[in-house]
Amino acid sequence: MQKCQPFALGIAIGVLWTIYVFFLGLVAMAGWGNSFVTTLSSLYIGYSASIIGAIIGAIWAFVDGFIAGAIIAWVYNKVAKS
């Protein structure tokens, strides 16, 4: 069974989540997805439907996605070993 690399999966999930959150912040300026942006802004301090808010949210999203990806890979490796 192949091992999953925690750093690589962390980067991959972090980048994908960053793109999504940034795009959602920009699209919310036009009025779409405001409810989800409001929900995420309760977790990501400074995230809002603005360009600066989208950049702040993207930074939070990368950190959050990286940590989640690394944990997922670590758990996968532990379970796959058994």
N, C-alpha and C. Protein backbone atom coordinates (compact mmCIF):
# COMPACT_ATOMS: atom_id res chain seq x y z
N MET A 1 0.85 -1.18 0.00
CA MET A 1 0.00 0.00 0.00
C MET A 1 0.89 1.24 0.00
N GLN A 2 0.54 2.21 -0.82
CA GLN A 2 1.30 3.45 -0.91
C GLN A 2 1.04 4.34 0.30
N LYS A 3 2.09 5.05 0.73
CA LYS A 3 1.93 6.04 1.78
C LYS A 3 1.47 7.35 1.15
N CYS A 4 0.67 8.07 1.89
CA CYS A 4 0.24 9.39 1.45
C CYS A 4 1.16 10.42 2.12
N GLN A 5 1.67 11.34 1.36
CA GLN A 5 2.58 12.36 1.88
C GLN A 5 1.79 13.50 2.51
N PRO A 6 1.87 13.67 3.83
CA PRO A 6 1.08 14.72 4.50
C PRO A 6 1.36 16.13 3.97
N PHE A 7 2.62 16.45 3.70
CA PHE A 7 2.94 17.79 3.21
C PHE A 7 2.32 18.03 1.84
N ALA A 8 2.45 17.05 0.95
CA ALA A 8 1.92 17.20 -0.41
C ALA A 8 0.40 17.31 -0.41
N LEU A 9 -0.27 16.47 0.37
CA LEU A 9 -1.73 16.55 0.43
C LEU A 9 -2.17 17.85 1.09
N GLY A 10 -1.42 18.30 2.09
CA GLY A 10 -1.73 19.58 2.73
C GLY A 10 -1.65 20.73 1.74
N ILE A 11 -0.60 20.75 0.93
CA ILE A 11 -0.46 21.80 -0.09
C ILE A 11 -1.60 21.73 -1.11
N ALA A 12 -1.92 20.52 -1.57
CA ALA A 12 -2.95 20.35 -2.60
C ALA A 12 -4.32 20.81 -2.09
N ILE A 13 -4.70 20.36 -0.92
CA ILE A 13 -6.01 20.75 -0.38
C ILE A 13 -6.00 22.23 -0.01
N GLY A 14 -4.89 22.72 0.53
CA GLY A 14 -4.79 24.14 0.85
C GLY A 14 -4.96 25.03 -0.36
N VAL A 15 -4.33 24.67 -1.47
CA VAL A 15 -4.44 25.48 -2.69
C VAL A 15 -5.87 25.43 -3.25
N LEU A 16 -6.45 24.26 -3.29
CA LEU A 16 -7.82 24.14 -3.82
C LEU A 16 -8.82 24.92 -2.96
N TRP A 17 -8.71 24.81 -1.64
CA TRP A 17 -9.63 25.51 -0.74
C TRP A 17 -9.40 27.02 -0.84
N THR A 18 -8.15 27.44 -1.01
CA THR A 18 -7.83 28.85 -1.17
C THR A 18 -8.49 29.43 -2.41
N ILE A 19 -8.38 28.73 -3.52
CA ILE A 19 -9.00 29.19 -4.77
C ILE A 19 -10.51 29.33 -4.60
N TYR A 20 -11.12 28.34 -3.98
CA TYR A 20 -12.57 28.36 -3.79
C TYR A 20 -13.00 29.54 -2.92
N VAL A 21 -12.34 29.70 -1.77
CA VAL A 21 -12.73 30.75 -0.83
C VAL A 21 -12.48 32.13 -1.44
N PHE A 22 -11.37 32.31 -2.13
CA PHE A 22 -11.09 33.59 -2.77
C PHE A 22 -12.14 33.90 -3.83
N PHE A 23 -12.43 32.94 -4.70
CA PHE A 23 -13.43 33.14 -5.74
C PHE A 23 -14.81 33.43 -5.14
N LEU A 24 -15.16 32.72 -4.07
CA LEU A 24 -16.45 32.95 -3.42
C LEU A 24 -16.53 34.37 -2.84
N GLY A 25 -15.43 34.85 -2.27
CA GLY A 25 -15.41 36.22 -1.75
C GLY A 25 -15.63 37.25 -2.84
N LEU A 26 -15.06 37.01 -4.02
CA LEU A 26 -15.25 37.94 -5.14
C LEU A 26 -16.67 37.86 -5.70
N VAL A 27 -17.18 36.64 -5.83
CA VAL A 27 -18.52 36.46 -6.38
C VAL A 27 -19.58 37.01 -5.42
N ALA A 28 -19.31 36.96 -4.13
CA ALA A 28 -20.27 37.48 -3.16
C ALA A 28 -20.42 38.99 -3.27
N MET A 29 -19.45 39.67 -3.87
CA MET A 29 -19.58 41.11 -4.10
C MET A 29 -20.73 41.40 -5.06
N ALA A 30 -21.05 40.42 -5.93
CA ALA A 30 -22.16 40.56 -6.87
C ALA A 30 -23.47 40.07 -6.26
N GLY A 31 -23.42 39.55 -5.03
CA GLY A 31 -24.65 39.13 -4.36
C GLY A 31 -24.88 37.63 -4.28
N TRP A 32 -24.00 36.82 -4.85
CA TRP A 32 -24.18 35.37 -4.82
C TRP A 32 -23.34 34.77 -3.70
N GLY A 33 -23.92 33.90 -2.92
CA GLY A 33 -23.19 33.19 -1.89
C GLY A 33 -22.93 33.98 -0.62
N ASN A 34 -23.70 35.03 -0.39
CA ASN A 34 -23.48 35.85 0.80
C ASN A 34 -23.66 35.08 2.10
N SER A 35 -24.60 34.15 2.12
CA SER A 35 -24.84 33.37 3.34
C SER A 35 -23.62 32.54 3.70
N PHE A 36 -22.99 31.93 2.70
CA PHE A 36 -21.82 31.11 2.96
C PHE A 36 -20.63 31.96 3.37
N VAL A 37 -20.48 33.13 2.76
CA VAL A 37 -19.40 34.05 3.14
C VAL A 37 -19.61 34.50 4.59
N THR A 38 -20.84 34.78 4.96
CA THR A 38 -21.13 35.18 6.34
C THR A 38 -20.79 34.05 7.31
N THR A 39 -21.13 32.83 6.93
CA THR A 39 -20.80 31.69 7.78
C THR A 39 -19.30 31.52 7.93
N LEU A 40 -18.57 31.57 6.82
CA LEU A 40 -17.12 31.43 6.88
C LEU A 40 -16.46 32.60 7.61
N SER A 41 -17.06 33.78 7.53
CA SER A 41 -16.46 34.92 8.21
C SER A 41 -16.53 34.78 9.72
N SER A 42 -17.40 33.90 10.21
CA SER A 42 -17.42 33.65 11.65
C SER A 42 -16.23 32.77 12.06
N LEU A 43 -15.62 32.08 11.10
CA LEU A 43 -14.43 31.27 11.36
C LEU A 43 -13.15 31.97 10.92
N TYR A 44 -13.19 32.63 9.79
CA TYR A 44 -12.03 33.31 9.22
C TYR A 44 -12.15 34.81 9.49
N ILE A 45 -11.44 35.28 10.50
CA ILE A 45 -11.51 36.68 10.91
C ILE A 45 -11.02 37.57 9.76
N GLY A 46 -11.85 38.53 9.39
CA GLY A 46 -11.50 39.47 8.32
C GLY A 46 -12.03 39.10 6.96
N TYR A 47 -12.59 37.90 6.82
CA TYR A 47 -13.13 37.46 5.53
C TYR A 47 -14.45 38.17 5.27
N SER A 48 -14.59 38.72 4.08
CA SER A 48 -15.83 39.40 3.71
C SER A 48 -15.95 39.44 2.19
N ALA A 49 -17.06 39.97 1.74
CA ALA A 49 -17.32 40.06 0.31
C ALA A 49 -16.67 41.33 -0.25
N SER A 50 -15.34 41.35 -0.25
CA SER A 50 -14.58 42.46 -0.81
C SER A 50 -13.24 41.89 -1.29
N ILE A 51 -12.49 42.68 -2.01
CA ILE A 51 -11.21 42.18 -2.51
C ILE A 51 -10.25 41.91 -1.35
N ILE A 52 -10.14 42.86 -0.43
CA ILE A 52 -9.26 42.66 0.73
C ILE A 52 -9.77 41.51 1.59
N GLY A 53 -11.08 41.44 1.79
CA GLY A 53 -11.67 40.35 2.56
C GLY A 53 -11.42 39.00 1.91
N ALA A 54 -11.48 38.95 0.58
CA ALA A 54 -11.24 37.70 -0.14
C ALA A 54 -9.78 37.27 0.01
N ILE A 55 -8.86 38.23 0.02
CA ILE A 55 -7.44 37.90 0.20
C ILE A 55 -7.19 37.39 1.62
N ILE A 56 -7.78 38.06 2.60
CA ILE A 56 -7.64 37.61 4.00
C ILE A 56 -8.24 36.21 4.15
N GLY A 57 -9.42 35.99 3.57
CA GLY A 57 -10.05 34.67 3.63
C GLY A 57 -9.21 33.61 2.93
N ALA A 58 -8.56 33.98 1.84
CA ALA A 58 -7.72 33.03 1.11
C ALA A 58 -6.52 32.60 1.96
N ILE A 59 -5.96 33.53 2.70
CA ILE A 59 -4.84 33.18 3.58
C ILE A 59 -5.30 32.22 4.67
N TRP A 60 -6.42 32.54 5.30
CA TRP A 60 -6.99 31.64 6.31
C TRP A 60 -7.30 30.28 5.70
N ALA A 61 -7.87 30.28 4.50
CA ALA A 61 -8.27 29.03 3.84
C ALA A 61 -7.06 28.16 3.56
N PHE A 62 -5.94 28.76 3.14
CA PHE A 62 -4.76 27.96 2.87
C PHE A 62 -4.25 27.29 4.15
N VAL A 63 -4.18 28.05 5.21
CA VAL A 63 -3.71 27.49 6.49
C VAL A 63 -4.65 26.37 6.94
N ASP A 64 -5.94 26.63 6.89
CA ASP A 64 -6.94 25.64 7.30
C ASP A 64 -6.88 24.40 6.41
N GLY A 65 -6.81 24.59 5.10
CA GLY A 65 -6.75 23.47 4.16
C GLY A 65 -5.48 22.67 4.29
N PHE A 66 -4.36 23.36 4.52
CA PHE A 66 -3.08 22.66 4.69
C PHE A 66 -3.12 21.76 5.93
N ILE A 67 -3.58 22.31 7.03
CA ILE A 67 -3.66 21.52 8.27
C ILE A 67 -4.60 20.33 8.09
N ALA A 68 -5.76 20.57 7.48
CA ALA A 68 -6.72 19.48 7.26
C ALA A 68 -6.13 18.41 6.36
N GLY A 69 -5.47 18.80 5.28
CA GLY A 69 -4.87 17.83 4.36
C GLY A 69 -3.78 17.01 5.03
N ALA A 70 -2.95 17.66 5.84
CA ALA A 70 -1.88 16.95 6.54
C ALA A 70 -2.46 15.95 7.53
N ILE A 71 -3.50 16.35 8.24
CA ILE A 71 -4.15 15.44 9.20
C ILE A 71 -4.81 14.27 8.48
N ILE A 72 -5.47 14.54 7.37
CA ILE A 72 -6.11 13.46 6.60
C ILE A 72 -5.06 12.45 6.14
N ALA A 73 -3.93 12.94 5.62
CA ALA A 73 -2.87 12.04 5.16
C ALA A 73 -2.29 11.24 6.32
N TRP A 74 -2.08 11.88 7.46
CA TRP A 74 -1.53 11.20 8.63
C TRP A 74 -2.47 10.09 9.10
N VAL A 75 -3.78 10.40 9.18
CA VAL A 75 -4.76 9.40 9.60
C VAL A 75 -4.81 8.25 8.58
N TYR A 76 -4.79 8.60 7.29
CA TYR A 76 -4.80 7.58 6.25
C TYR A 76 -3.61 6.62 6.41
N ASN A 77 -2.44 7.19 6.62
CA ASN A 77 -1.25 6.35 6.79
C ASN A 77 -1.36 5.44 8.01
N LYS A 78 -1.91 5.95 9.10
CA LYS A 78 -2.08 5.12 10.30
C LYS A 78 -3.09 4.00 10.07
N VAL A 79 -4.19 4.31 9.40
CA VAL A 79 -5.23 3.30 9.14
C VAL A 79 -4.75 2.29 8.12
N ALA A 80 -4.04 2.73 7.09
CA ALA A 80 -3.56 1.84 6.04
C ALA A 80 -2.50 0.87 6.57
N LYS A 81 -1.79 1.27 7.61
CA LYS A 81 -0.76 0.41 8.20
C LYS A 81 -1.37 -0.79 8.90
N SER A 82 -2.56 -0.64 9.46
CA SER A 82 -3.20 -1.70 10.24
C SER A 82 -3.69 -2.84 9.40
